[in-house]
């Protein structure tokens, strides 16, 4: 692997073994990081939809929250195109209830994006719908988790 640096010492281009160029994503700005913190304070989009649309349980109550970068053509759109998901709805590598399998938990909590991408999007909506819903949550819901929580 070959790496090129700019005059400030930041990585600008990475060449992998096959000679293909891979551009690094720009680092998130302060405003983008603040948006992520605000999204995490409101919780997982899928868990919220479970409670209001699907009659399912929440997989997370403010713990293990992650930001999922939305994709276009297999590449990240950018740091502004992100939604907050709990670990279960994002990757489901660690299950909330260790003594039950994924399939059993998915019946109660809804599908995981990484494990069942097609079913996740059929159940919760397209990436654009999820991003729009994330924006609605940011504008209309008070913080539910963290030091700013209002409950």
N, C-alpha and C. Protein backbone atom coordinates (compact mmCIF):
# COMPACT_ATOMS: atom_id res chain seq x y z
N UNK A 1 0.85 -1.17 0.00
CA UNK A 1 0.00 0.00 0.00
C UNK A 1 0.90 1.24 0.00
N UNK A 2 0.55 2.20 -0.83
CA UNK A 2 1.29 3.45 -0.93
C UNK A 2 0.37 4.57 -0.47
N UNK A 3 0.92 5.50 0.28
CA UNK A 3 0.14 6.60 0.82
C UNK A 3 0.79 7.91 0.41
N UNK A 4 0.00 8.90 -0.03
CA UNK A 4 0.49 10.24 -0.34
C UNK A 4 -0.04 11.20 0.71
N UNK A 5 0.77 12.21 1.05
CA UNK A 5 0.41 13.18 2.07
C UNK A 5 0.41 14.58 1.46
N UNK A 6 -0.41 15.48 2.03
CA UNK A 6 -0.36 16.88 1.61
C UNK A 6 0.70 17.59 2.42
N UNK A 7 0.81 18.92 2.23
CA UNK A 7 1.87 19.67 2.91
C UNK A 7 1.69 19.74 4.42
N UNK A 8 0.47 19.49 4.92
CA UNK A 8 0.23 19.48 6.37
C UNK A 8 0.43 18.10 6.99
N UNK A 9 0.77 17.12 6.17
CA UNK A 9 0.99 15.78 6.68
C UNK A 9 -0.26 14.92 6.74
N UNK A 10 -1.37 15.40 6.14
CA UNK A 10 -2.61 14.63 6.14
C UNK A 10 -2.63 13.70 4.93
N UNK A 11 -3.19 12.53 5.12
CA UNK A 11 -3.29 11.56 4.03
C UNK A 11 -4.29 12.09 3.00
N UNK A 12 -3.88 12.11 1.73
CA UNK A 12 -4.80 12.56 0.68
C UNK A 12 -5.16 11.44 -0.29
N UNK A 13 -4.25 10.52 -0.54
CA UNK A 13 -4.51 9.43 -1.48
C UNK A 13 -3.87 8.15 -0.97
N UNK A 14 -4.59 7.06 -1.11
CA UNK A 14 -4.06 5.75 -0.74
C UNK A 14 -4.15 4.86 -1.97
N UNK A 15 -3.03 4.21 -2.30
CA UNK A 15 -3.03 3.26 -3.40
C UNK A 15 -2.97 1.87 -2.79
N UNK A 16 -3.95 1.03 -3.13
CA UNK A 16 -3.92 -0.32 -2.59
C UNK A 16 -3.02 -1.19 -3.46
N UNK A 17 -2.91 -2.44 -3.15
CA UNK A 17 -1.98 -3.35 -3.83
C UNK A 17 -2.25 -3.50 -5.31
N UNK A 18 -3.50 -3.35 -5.72
CA UNK A 18 -3.84 -3.54 -7.13
C UNK A 18 -3.63 -2.28 -7.95
N UNK A 19 -3.17 -1.21 -7.31
CA UNK A 19 -2.91 0.02 -8.02
C UNK A 19 -4.11 0.93 -8.16
N UNK A 20 -5.22 0.58 -7.52
CA UNK A 20 -6.41 1.42 -7.59
C UNK A 20 -6.30 2.53 -6.56
N UNK A 21 -6.79 3.69 -6.91
CA UNK A 21 -6.74 4.83 -6.02
C UNK A 21 -7.99 4.85 -5.14
N UNK A 22 -7.78 5.05 -3.87
CA UNK A 22 -8.87 5.15 -2.90
C UNK A 22 -8.76 6.52 -2.24
N UNK A 23 -9.76 7.36 -2.41
CA UNK A 23 -9.75 8.67 -1.77
C UNK A 23 -10.30 8.56 -0.35
N UNK A 24 -9.62 9.18 0.58
CA UNK A 24 -10.11 9.20 1.95
C UNK A 24 -11.29 10.15 2.06
N UNK A 25 -12.23 9.79 2.91
CA UNK A 25 -13.35 10.67 3.17
C UNK A 25 -12.85 11.87 3.96
N UNK A 26 -13.40 13.04 3.71
CA UNK A 26 -13.02 14.19 4.52
C UNK A 26 -13.42 13.97 5.98
N UNK A 27 -12.66 14.55 6.86
CA UNK A 27 -12.95 14.44 8.29
C UNK A 27 -14.22 15.22 8.60
N UNK A 28 -15.04 14.70 9.49
CA UNK A 28 -16.29 15.36 9.87
C UNK A 28 -16.01 16.71 10.52
N UNK A 29 -16.82 17.70 10.17
CA UNK A 29 -16.68 19.03 10.75
C UNK A 29 -17.30 19.05 12.15
N UNK A 30 -17.08 20.15 12.86
CA UNK A 30 -17.68 20.30 14.20
C UNK A 30 -19.21 20.24 14.12
N UNK A 31 -19.76 20.88 13.10
CA UNK A 31 -21.22 20.90 12.94
C UNK A 31 -21.76 19.49 12.67
N UNK A 32 -21.05 18.73 11.87
CA UNK A 32 -21.48 17.36 11.58
C UNK A 32 -21.38 16.49 12.83
N UNK A 33 -20.31 16.65 13.60
CA UNK A 33 -20.18 15.89 14.84
C UNK A 33 -21.26 16.27 15.84
N UNK A 34 -21.65 17.55 15.86
CA UNK A 34 -22.72 18.00 16.75
C UNK A 34 -24.06 17.40 16.31
N UNK A 35 -24.28 17.30 14.99
CA UNK A 35 -25.50 16.67 14.48
C UNK A 35 -25.54 15.21 14.92
N UNK A 36 -24.40 14.51 14.86
CA UNK A 36 -24.34 13.12 15.31
C UNK A 36 -24.69 13.02 16.79
N UNK A 37 -24.14 13.92 17.60
CA UNK A 37 -24.43 13.90 19.04
C UNK A 37 -25.91 14.16 19.28
N UNK A 38 -26.49 15.09 18.53
CA UNK A 38 -27.92 15.39 18.67
C UNK A 38 -28.77 14.19 18.25
N UNK A 39 -28.36 13.52 17.19
CA UNK A 39 -29.10 12.33 16.73
C UNK A 39 -29.02 11.22 17.78
N UNK A 40 -27.84 11.01 18.35
CA UNK A 40 -27.68 9.97 19.37
C UNK A 40 -28.50 10.30 20.62
N UNK A 41 -28.67 11.58 20.92
CA UNK A 41 -29.48 11.98 22.08
C UNK A 41 -30.96 11.67 21.86
N UNK A 42 -31.36 11.49 20.61
CA UNK A 42 -32.75 11.17 20.31
C UNK A 42 -32.98 9.68 20.06
N UNK A 43 -31.91 8.92 19.89
CA UNK A 43 -32.01 7.47 19.81
C UNK A 43 -32.06 6.91 18.40
N UNK A 44 -32.19 5.61 18.35
CA UNK A 44 -32.20 4.84 17.12
C UNK A 44 -33.47 5.11 16.31
N UNK A 45 -33.29 5.42 15.02
CA UNK A 45 -34.43 5.68 14.14
C UNK A 45 -35.33 4.45 14.05
N UNK A 46 -34.74 3.27 13.88
CA UNK A 46 -35.54 2.04 13.75
C UNK A 46 -36.30 1.73 15.04
N UNK A 47 -35.64 1.90 16.19
CA UNK A 47 -36.33 1.67 17.47
C UNK A 47 -37.50 2.63 17.62
N UNK A 48 -37.32 3.88 17.23
CA UNK A 48 -38.39 4.86 17.32
C UNK A 48 -39.55 4.47 16.42
N UNK A 49 -39.24 4.04 15.20
CA UNK A 49 -40.29 3.60 14.29
C UNK A 49 -40.98 2.34 14.82
N UNK A 50 -40.24 1.47 15.49
CA UNK A 50 -40.86 0.29 16.11
C UNK A 50 -41.96 0.72 17.06
N UNK A 51 -41.69 1.72 17.86
CA UNK A 51 -42.63 2.16 18.88
C UNK A 51 -43.86 2.86 18.33
N UNK A 52 -43.71 3.60 17.22
CA UNK A 52 -44.85 4.37 16.73
C UNK A 52 -45.56 3.74 15.54
N UNK A 53 -44.87 2.90 14.76
CA UNK A 53 -45.48 2.34 13.55
C UNK A 53 -45.67 0.83 13.57
N UNK A 54 -44.77 0.11 14.20
CA UNK A 54 -44.75 -1.33 14.03
C UNK A 54 -45.19 -2.14 15.26
N UNK A 55 -45.37 -1.49 16.38
CA UNK A 55 -45.80 -2.20 17.59
C UNK A 55 -44.77 -3.19 18.10
N UNK A 56 -43.49 -2.94 17.83
CA UNK A 56 -42.42 -3.81 18.29
C UNK A 56 -41.66 -3.13 19.43
N UNK A 57 -40.86 -3.92 20.10
CA UNK A 57 -40.05 -3.40 21.21
C UNK A 57 -38.84 -2.63 20.68
N UNK A 58 -38.30 -1.77 21.53
CA UNK A 58 -37.04 -1.08 21.22
C UNK A 58 -35.90 -2.05 21.50
N UNK A 59 -34.90 -2.03 20.65
CA UNK A 59 -33.70 -2.85 20.89
C UNK A 59 -32.74 -2.12 21.80
N UNK A 60 -32.85 -0.81 21.89
CA UNK A 60 -31.89 -0.02 22.66
C UNK A 60 -32.59 1.15 23.34
N UNK A 61 -32.14 1.45 24.52
CA UNK A 61 -32.61 2.64 25.24
C UNK A 61 -31.43 3.57 25.46
N UNK A 62 -30.80 3.98 24.37
CA UNK A 62 -29.73 4.97 24.45
C UNK A 62 -28.34 4.39 24.56
N UNK A 63 -28.19 3.08 24.58
CA UNK A 63 -26.84 2.52 24.64
C UNK A 63 -26.50 1.87 23.30
N UNK A 64 -25.23 1.79 23.00
CA UNK A 64 -24.73 1.19 21.76
C UNK A 64 -25.30 1.88 20.52
N UNK A 65 -25.37 3.21 20.53
CA UNK A 65 -25.86 3.94 19.37
C UNK A 65 -24.71 4.23 18.41
N UNK A 66 -24.98 4.06 17.12
CA UNK A 66 -23.96 4.23 16.09
C UNK A 66 -24.53 5.07 14.95
N UNK A 67 -23.66 5.77 14.24
CA UNK A 67 -24.09 6.54 13.08
C UNK A 67 -23.84 5.71 11.83
N UNK A 68 -24.89 5.52 11.03
CA UNK A 68 -24.78 4.78 9.77
C UNK A 68 -24.71 5.77 8.62
N UNK A 69 -23.63 5.69 7.84
CA UNK A 69 -23.48 6.53 6.65
C UNK A 69 -24.28 5.91 5.51
N UNK A 70 -25.17 6.69 4.92
CA UNK A 70 -25.94 6.20 3.79
C UNK A 70 -25.06 6.12 2.55
N UNK A 71 -25.40 5.20 1.66
CA UNK A 71 -24.56 4.92 0.51
C UNK A 71 -25.28 5.23 -0.80
N UNK A 72 -24.48 5.47 -1.82
CA UNK A 72 -24.98 5.58 -3.19
C UNK A 72 -23.96 4.87 -4.07
N UNK A 73 -24.37 3.81 -4.72
CA UNK A 73 -23.45 3.05 -5.53
C UNK A 73 -22.35 2.39 -4.72
N UNK A 74 -22.66 2.05 -3.47
CA UNK A 74 -21.68 1.39 -2.61
C UNK A 74 -20.69 2.33 -1.96
N UNK A 75 -20.84 3.64 -2.15
CA UNK A 75 -19.93 4.62 -1.54
C UNK A 75 -20.71 5.56 -0.62
N UNK A 76 -20.05 6.00 0.43
CA UNK A 76 -20.68 6.95 1.34
C UNK A 76 -21.04 8.23 0.62
N UNK A 77 -22.23 8.74 0.93
CA UNK A 77 -22.68 10.00 0.34
C UNK A 77 -21.94 11.16 1.00
N UNK A 78 -21.72 11.07 2.30
CA UNK A 78 -21.06 12.12 3.04
C UNK A 78 -21.48 12.07 4.50
N UNK A 79 -20.86 12.91 5.30
CA UNK A 79 -21.13 12.90 6.74
C UNK A 79 -22.50 13.49 7.10
N UNK A 80 -23.11 14.23 6.20
CA UNK A 80 -24.45 14.77 6.49
C UNK A 80 -25.54 13.75 6.22
N UNK A 81 -25.25 12.76 5.41
CA UNK A 81 -26.23 11.71 5.08
C UNK A 81 -26.02 10.53 6.02
N UNK A 82 -26.38 10.73 7.28
CA UNK A 82 -26.21 9.70 8.30
C UNK A 82 -27.49 9.58 9.12
N UNK A 83 -27.73 8.36 9.61
CA UNK A 83 -28.84 8.13 10.52
C UNK A 83 -28.31 7.41 11.75
N UNK A 84 -28.97 7.62 12.86
CA UNK A 84 -28.57 6.98 14.11
C UNK A 84 -29.30 5.64 14.23
N UNK A 85 -28.53 4.58 14.44
CA UNK A 85 -29.08 3.24 14.65
C UNK A 85 -28.42 2.64 15.88
N UNK A 86 -29.17 1.84 16.62
CA UNK A 86 -28.57 1.08 17.71
C UNK A 86 -27.75 -0.05 17.09
N UNK A 87 -26.90 -0.66 17.88
CA UNK A 87 -26.04 -1.71 17.33
C UNK A 87 -26.86 -2.85 16.73
N UNK A 88 -27.94 -3.23 17.37
CA UNK A 88 -28.75 -4.32 16.84
C UNK A 88 -29.28 -3.99 15.45
N UNK A 89 -29.88 -2.82 15.27
CA UNK A 89 -30.45 -2.48 13.97
C UNK A 89 -29.38 -2.15 12.94
N UNK A 90 -28.19 -1.77 13.38
CA UNK A 90 -27.11 -1.47 12.44
C UNK A 90 -26.41 -2.74 11.98
N UNK A 91 -25.82 -3.50 12.91
CA UNK A 91 -25.00 -4.65 12.53
C UNK A 91 -25.43 -5.97 13.18
N UNK A 92 -26.01 -5.92 14.34
CA UNK A 92 -26.49 -7.11 15.06
C UNK A 92 -25.39 -8.15 15.27
N UNK A 93 -24.19 -7.69 15.54
CA UNK A 93 -23.12 -8.64 15.86
C UNK A 93 -23.19 -9.05 17.33
N UNK A 94 -23.61 -8.11 18.18
CA UNK A 94 -23.86 -8.42 19.60
C UNK A 94 -25.37 -8.34 19.79
N UNK A 95 -25.95 -9.43 20.20
CA UNK A 95 -27.40 -9.47 20.36
C UNK A 95 -27.80 -9.00 21.75
N UNK A 96 -28.93 -8.29 21.88
CA UNK A 96 -29.37 -7.82 23.20
C UNK A 96 -29.60 -8.95 24.20
N UNK A 97 -30.09 -10.09 23.71
CA UNK A 97 -30.36 -11.23 24.58
C UNK A 97 -29.52 -12.40 24.09
N UNK A 98 -28.42 -12.65 24.76
CA UNK A 98 -27.43 -13.63 24.30
C UNK A 98 -27.97 -15.05 24.22
N UNK A 99 -29.00 -15.37 25.00
CA UNK A 99 -29.51 -16.74 25.01
C UNK A 99 -30.56 -17.00 23.92
N UNK A 100 -30.84 -16.02 23.07
CA UNK A 100 -31.78 -16.19 21.96
C UNK A 100 -31.04 -15.88 20.66
N UNK A 101 -31.37 -16.56 19.59
CA UNK A 101 -30.74 -16.34 18.30
C UNK A 101 -31.24 -15.07 17.62
N UNK A 102 -30.57 -14.71 16.54
CA UNK A 102 -30.93 -13.49 15.81
C UNK A 102 -32.37 -13.55 15.29
N UNK A 103 -32.75 -14.66 14.68
CA UNK A 103 -34.08 -14.75 14.07
C UNK A 103 -35.19 -14.51 15.08
N UNK A 104 -35.04 -15.08 16.26
CA UNK A 104 -36.05 -14.90 17.30
C UNK A 104 -36.11 -13.43 17.74
N UNK A 105 -34.94 -12.80 17.89
CA UNK A 105 -34.92 -11.41 18.31
C UNK A 105 -35.41 -10.47 17.22
N UNK A 106 -35.16 -10.81 15.95
CA UNK A 106 -35.62 -9.98 14.85
C UNK A 106 -37.15 -9.95 14.79
N UNK A 107 -37.80 -11.02 15.23
CA UNK A 107 -39.27 -11.03 15.27
C UNK A 107 -39.80 -9.99 16.25
N UNK A 108 -39.09 -9.80 17.36
CA UNK A 108 -39.53 -8.87 18.40
C UNK A 108 -38.99 -7.45 18.20
N UNK A 109 -37.82 -7.33 17.54
CA UNK A 109 -37.14 -6.04 17.46
C UNK A 109 -37.04 -5.48 16.05
N UNK A 110 -37.39 -6.26 15.05
CA UNK A 110 -37.26 -5.83 13.66
C UNK A 110 -35.92 -6.27 13.09
N UNK A 111 -35.76 -6.17 11.77
CA UNK A 111 -34.55 -6.66 11.11
C UNK A 111 -33.34 -5.75 11.31
N UNK A 112 -32.17 -6.34 11.13
CA UNK A 112 -30.90 -5.61 11.18
C UNK A 112 -30.49 -5.20 9.78
N UNK A 113 -29.96 -4.01 9.62
CA UNK A 113 -29.54 -3.51 8.31
C UNK A 113 -28.45 -4.38 7.70
N UNK A 114 -27.43 -4.73 8.46
CA UNK A 114 -26.33 -5.51 7.90
C UNK A 114 -26.75 -6.95 7.59
N UNK A 115 -27.54 -7.54 8.45
CA UNK A 115 -27.92 -8.95 8.25
C UNK A 115 -29.01 -9.14 7.21
N UNK A 116 -29.94 -8.18 7.12
CA UNK A 116 -31.08 -8.31 6.20
C UNK A 116 -31.39 -6.95 5.57
N UNK A 117 -30.51 -6.50 4.71
CA UNK A 117 -30.64 -5.15 4.14
C UNK A 117 -31.97 -4.96 3.41
N UNK A 118 -32.33 -5.89 2.56
CA UNK A 118 -33.58 -5.74 1.78
C UNK A 118 -34.79 -5.71 2.71
N UNK A 119 -34.85 -6.64 3.65
CA UNK A 119 -35.98 -6.68 4.59
C UNK A 119 -35.99 -5.42 5.47
N UNK A 120 -34.81 -4.95 5.90
CA UNK A 120 -34.73 -3.73 6.71
C UNK A 120 -35.37 -2.56 5.96
N UNK A 121 -35.00 -2.40 4.69
CA UNK A 121 -35.53 -1.27 3.92
C UNK A 121 -37.02 -1.45 3.59
N UNK A 122 -37.48 -2.66 3.39
CA UNK A 122 -38.91 -2.89 3.18
C UNK A 122 -39.69 -2.55 4.45
N UNK A 123 -39.11 -2.86 5.60
CA UNK A 123 -39.77 -2.68 6.89
C UNK A 123 -39.75 -1.22 7.35
N UNK A 124 -38.58 -0.56 7.25
CA UNK A 124 -38.42 0.79 7.79
C UNK A 124 -38.44 1.90 6.74
N UNK A 125 -38.20 1.59 5.49
CA UNK A 125 -38.22 2.60 4.44
C UNK A 125 -36.88 2.71 3.72
N UNK A 126 -36.88 3.50 2.66
CA UNK A 126 -35.66 3.70 1.87
C UNK A 126 -34.67 4.55 2.65
N UNK A 127 -33.45 4.62 2.16
CA UNK A 127 -32.44 5.47 2.80
C UNK A 127 -32.91 6.92 2.86
N UNK A 128 -33.52 7.40 1.78
CA UNK A 128 -33.99 8.79 1.74
C UNK A 128 -35.11 9.01 2.76
N UNK A 129 -36.00 8.03 2.91
CA UNK A 129 -37.08 8.15 3.90
C UNK A 129 -36.51 8.14 5.31
N UNK A 130 -35.53 7.27 5.56
CA UNK A 130 -34.91 7.21 6.88
C UNK A 130 -34.16 8.50 7.21
N UNK A 131 -33.47 9.08 6.22
CA UNK A 131 -32.77 10.34 6.43
C UNK A 131 -33.77 11.46 6.73
N UNK A 132 -34.87 11.49 5.98
CA UNK A 132 -35.90 12.50 6.23
C UNK A 132 -36.50 12.32 7.63
N UNK A 133 -36.72 11.08 8.04
CA UNK A 133 -37.26 10.83 9.37
C UNK A 133 -36.26 11.23 10.45
N UNK A 134 -34.97 10.98 10.19
CA UNK A 134 -33.93 11.41 11.15
C UNK A 134 -34.00 12.93 11.33
N UNK A 135 -34.18 13.66 10.24
CA UNK A 135 -34.28 15.13 10.34
C UNK A 135 -35.51 15.55 11.13
N UNK A 136 -36.62 14.84 10.94
CA UNK A 136 -37.84 15.14 11.71
C UNK A 136 -37.57 14.90 13.20
N UNK A 137 -36.90 13.80 13.52
CA UNK A 137 -36.57 13.51 14.92
C UNK A 137 -35.68 14.61 15.50
N UNK A 138 -34.71 15.08 14.72
CA UNK A 138 -33.81 16.13 15.21
C UNK A 138 -34.56 17.44 15.47
N UNK A 139 -35.55 17.74 14.63
CA UNK A 139 -36.26 19.00 14.76
C UNK A 139 -37.37 18.96 15.80
N UNK A 140 -38.01 17.79 15.98
CA UNK A 140 -39.23 17.78 16.80
C UNK A 140 -39.13 17.05 18.13
N UNK A 141 -38.16 16.16 18.29
CA UNK A 141 -38.07 15.40 19.54
C UNK A 141 -37.06 16.03 20.50
N UNK A 142 -37.40 16.12 21.77
CA UNK A 142 -36.39 16.55 22.74
C UNK A 142 -35.39 15.42 22.96
N UNK A 143 -34.19 15.75 23.43
CA UNK A 143 -33.22 14.68 23.73
C UNK A 143 -33.80 13.68 24.71
N UNK A 144 -33.63 12.39 24.41
CA UNK A 144 -34.15 11.33 25.26
C UNK A 144 -33.05 10.62 26.03
N UNK A 145 -31.82 10.77 25.58
CA UNK A 145 -30.70 10.06 26.18
C UNK A 145 -29.55 11.03 26.40
N UNK A 146 -28.70 10.73 27.35
CA UNK A 146 -27.54 11.56 27.62
C UNK A 146 -27.85 12.65 28.62
N UNK A 147 -26.89 13.56 28.81
CA UNK A 147 -27.03 14.59 29.85
C UNK A 147 -28.14 15.60 29.58
N UNK A 148 -28.58 15.72 28.32
CA UNK A 148 -29.63 16.70 27.99
C UNK A 148 -31.03 16.09 28.01
N UNK A 149 -31.16 14.84 28.41
CA UNK A 149 -32.45 14.16 28.40
C UNK A 149 -33.46 14.90 29.25
N UNK A 150 -34.71 14.93 28.77
CA UNK A 150 -35.74 15.70 29.45
C UNK A 150 -36.75 14.84 30.19
N UNK A 151 -36.49 13.59 30.36
CA UNK A 151 -37.44 12.74 31.06
C UNK A 151 -36.88 12.42 32.37
